[in-house]
């Protein structure tokens, strides 16, 4: 990983919306519609931030019919691993992030129940 890739990844973490998306993706794979609902944000804004997270290698997309599902990508290096570990374990003390994650867990559970 070179310095430009590190810079791009850290920029991804510097935005509140992207941080919220990363945190809810720790619950598991989510449909874009679920992410929009959890964050209560417009589709265009969510899609723009998801594209950024894909570009820097933190998230991946899977298309299923008309739906696109997002999940966290497996860390490619120690830097990503450390930051994603913190996303999973350090942010539950932030009320907004905790609330988002609880909603995301319900959405993941609901998806599992509908299969």
Protein backbone atom coordinates (compact mmCIF):
# COMPACT_ATOMS: atom_id res chain seq x y z
CA UNK A 1 0.00 0.00 0.00
CA UNK A 2 1.46 3.33 -1.00
CA UNK A 3 0.94 6.75 0.60
CA UNK A 4 -1.68 7.78 -1.99
CA UNK A 5 -3.78 4.70 -1.20
CA UNK A 6 -3.48 5.39 2.53
CA UNK A 7 -4.52 9.00 1.95
CA UNK A 8 -7.57 7.91 -0.09
CA UNK A 9 -8.60 5.44 2.60
CA UNK A 10 -8.22 7.97 5.40
CA UNK A 11 -10.29 10.48 3.42
CA UNK A 12 -13.03 7.85 3.30
CA UNK A 13 -13.02 7.74 7.10
CA UNK A 14 -13.08 11.52 7.41
CA UNK A 15 -16.72 11.92 6.39
CA UNK A 16 -19.63 11.41 8.81
CA UNK A 17 -21.86 9.67 6.28
CA UNK A 18 -19.14 7.26 5.18
CA UNK A 19 -18.28 6.52 8.81
CA UNK A 20 -21.95 5.76 9.52
CA UNK A 21 -22.11 3.48 6.45
CA UNK A 22 -18.97 1.61 7.44
CA UNK A 23 -20.30 1.15 10.95
CA UNK A 24 -23.66 -0.25 9.83
CA UNK A 25 -21.95 -2.59 7.37
CA UNK A 26 -20.29 -4.28 10.35
CA UNK A 27 -23.75 -5.81 10.97
CA UNK A 28 -23.55 -7.64 7.64
CA UNK A 29 -24.62 -7.25 4.04
CA UNK A 30 -27.26 -4.57 3.46
CA UNK A 31 -29.34 -3.53 0.48
CA UNK A 32 -28.94 0.09 -0.61
CA UNK A 33 -32.60 0.63 0.28
CA UNK A 34 -31.86 -0.48 3.87
CA UNK A 35 -28.87 1.87 4.10
CA UNK A 36 -31.01 4.75 2.86
CA UNK A 37 -33.70 3.93 5.41
CA UNK A 38 -31.28 3.52 8.33
CA UNK A 39 -29.44 6.77 7.61
CA UNK A 40 -32.57 8.65 6.52
CA UNK A 41 -30.64 10.18 3.62
CA UNK A 42 -31.42 10.58 -0.09
CA UNK A 43 -30.43 7.76 -2.44
CA UNK A 44 -28.07 9.99 -4.44
CA UNK A 45 -26.05 10.93 -1.36
CA UNK A 46 -25.84 7.34 -0.10
CA UNK A 47 -24.83 6.05 -3.55
CA UNK A 48 -22.10 8.69 -3.87
CA UNK A 49 -20.61 7.70 -0.51
CA UNK A 50 -20.87 3.98 -1.27
CA UNK A 51 -18.97 4.59 -4.53
CA UNK A 52 -16.21 6.28 -2.55
CA UNK A 53 -16.00 3.35 -0.13
CA UNK A 54 -15.81 0.90 -3.05
CA UNK A 55 -13.12 2.99 -4.76
CA UNK A 56 -10.84 2.92 -1.73
CA UNK A 57 -11.39 -0.83 -1.25
CA UNK A 58 -13.37 -0.79 2.00
CA UNK A 59 -16.76 -1.93 0.67
CA UNK A 60 -17.95 -4.26 -2.04
CA UNK A 61 -21.19 -4.48 -3.98
CA UNK A 62 -23.19 -7.50 -5.10
CA UNK A 63 -26.05 -7.15 -7.56
CA UNK A 64 -29.05 -9.44 -7.24
CA UNK A 65 -31.70 -8.66 -9.83
CA UNK A 66 -32.66 -5.02 -9.39
CA UNK A 67 -31.12 -4.78 -5.92
CA UNK A 68 -27.54 -3.94 -4.95
CA UNK A 69 -26.19 -5.24 -1.67
CA UNK A 70 -23.13 -3.84 0.11
CA UNK A 71 -20.79 -5.35 2.63
CA UNK A 72 -17.35 -4.67 4.05
CA UNK A 73 -14.45 -5.98 2.04
CA UNK A 74 -11.92 -8.20 3.73
CA UNK A 75 -9.01 -5.97 4.87
CA UNK A 76 -6.11 -6.05 2.42
CA UNK A 77 -3.47 -4.94 4.89
CA UNK A 78 -2.79 -4.17 8.55
CA UNK A 79 -3.85 -0.53 8.21
CA UNK A 80 -7.31 -1.42 6.91
CA UNK A 81 -7.57 -4.23 9.44
CA UNK A 82 -6.79 -1.89 12.34
CA UNK A 83 -9.17 0.84 11.20
CA UNK A 84 -12.03 -1.57 10.52
CA UNK A 85 -11.41 -3.19 13.91
CA UNK A 86 -11.88 0.23 15.48
CA UNK A 87 -15.03 0.84 13.41
CA UNK A 88 -16.47 -2.43 14.75
CA UNK A 89 -15.41 -2.03 18.36
CA UNK A 90 -14.83 1.61 19.26
CA UNK A 91 -17.83 3.49 17.95
CA UNK A 92 -20.70 1.98 19.94
CA UNK A 93 -20.22 4.71 22.54
CA UNK A 94 -21.47 7.26 19.98
CA UNK A 95 -25.29 7.35 20.32
CA UNK A 96 -26.02 7.98 16.61
CA UNK A 97 -23.72 5.16 15.52
CA UNK A 98 -25.15 2.79 18.11
CA UNK A 99 -28.70 3.58 16.96
CA UNK A 100 -27.69 3.08 13.30
CA UNK A 101 -26.09 -0.27 14.11
CA UNK A 102 -29.15 -1.53 15.97
CA UNK A 103 -31.30 -0.68 12.93
CA UNK A 104 -28.78 -2.39 10.64
CA UNK A 105 -28.81 -5.56 12.75
CA UNK A 106 -32.61 -5.64 12.49
CA UNK A 107 -32.42 -5.20 8.70
CA UNK A 108 -29.86 -8.02 8.38
CA UNK A 109 -32.01 -10.24 10.60
CA UNK A 110 -35.08 -9.40 8.53
CA UNK A 111 -33.26 -10.28 5.28
CA UNK A 112 -32.17 -13.61 6.74
CA UNK A 113 -35.75 -14.35 7.76
CA UNK A 114 -37.10 -13.63 4.27
CA UNK A 115 -34.78 -16.06 2.49
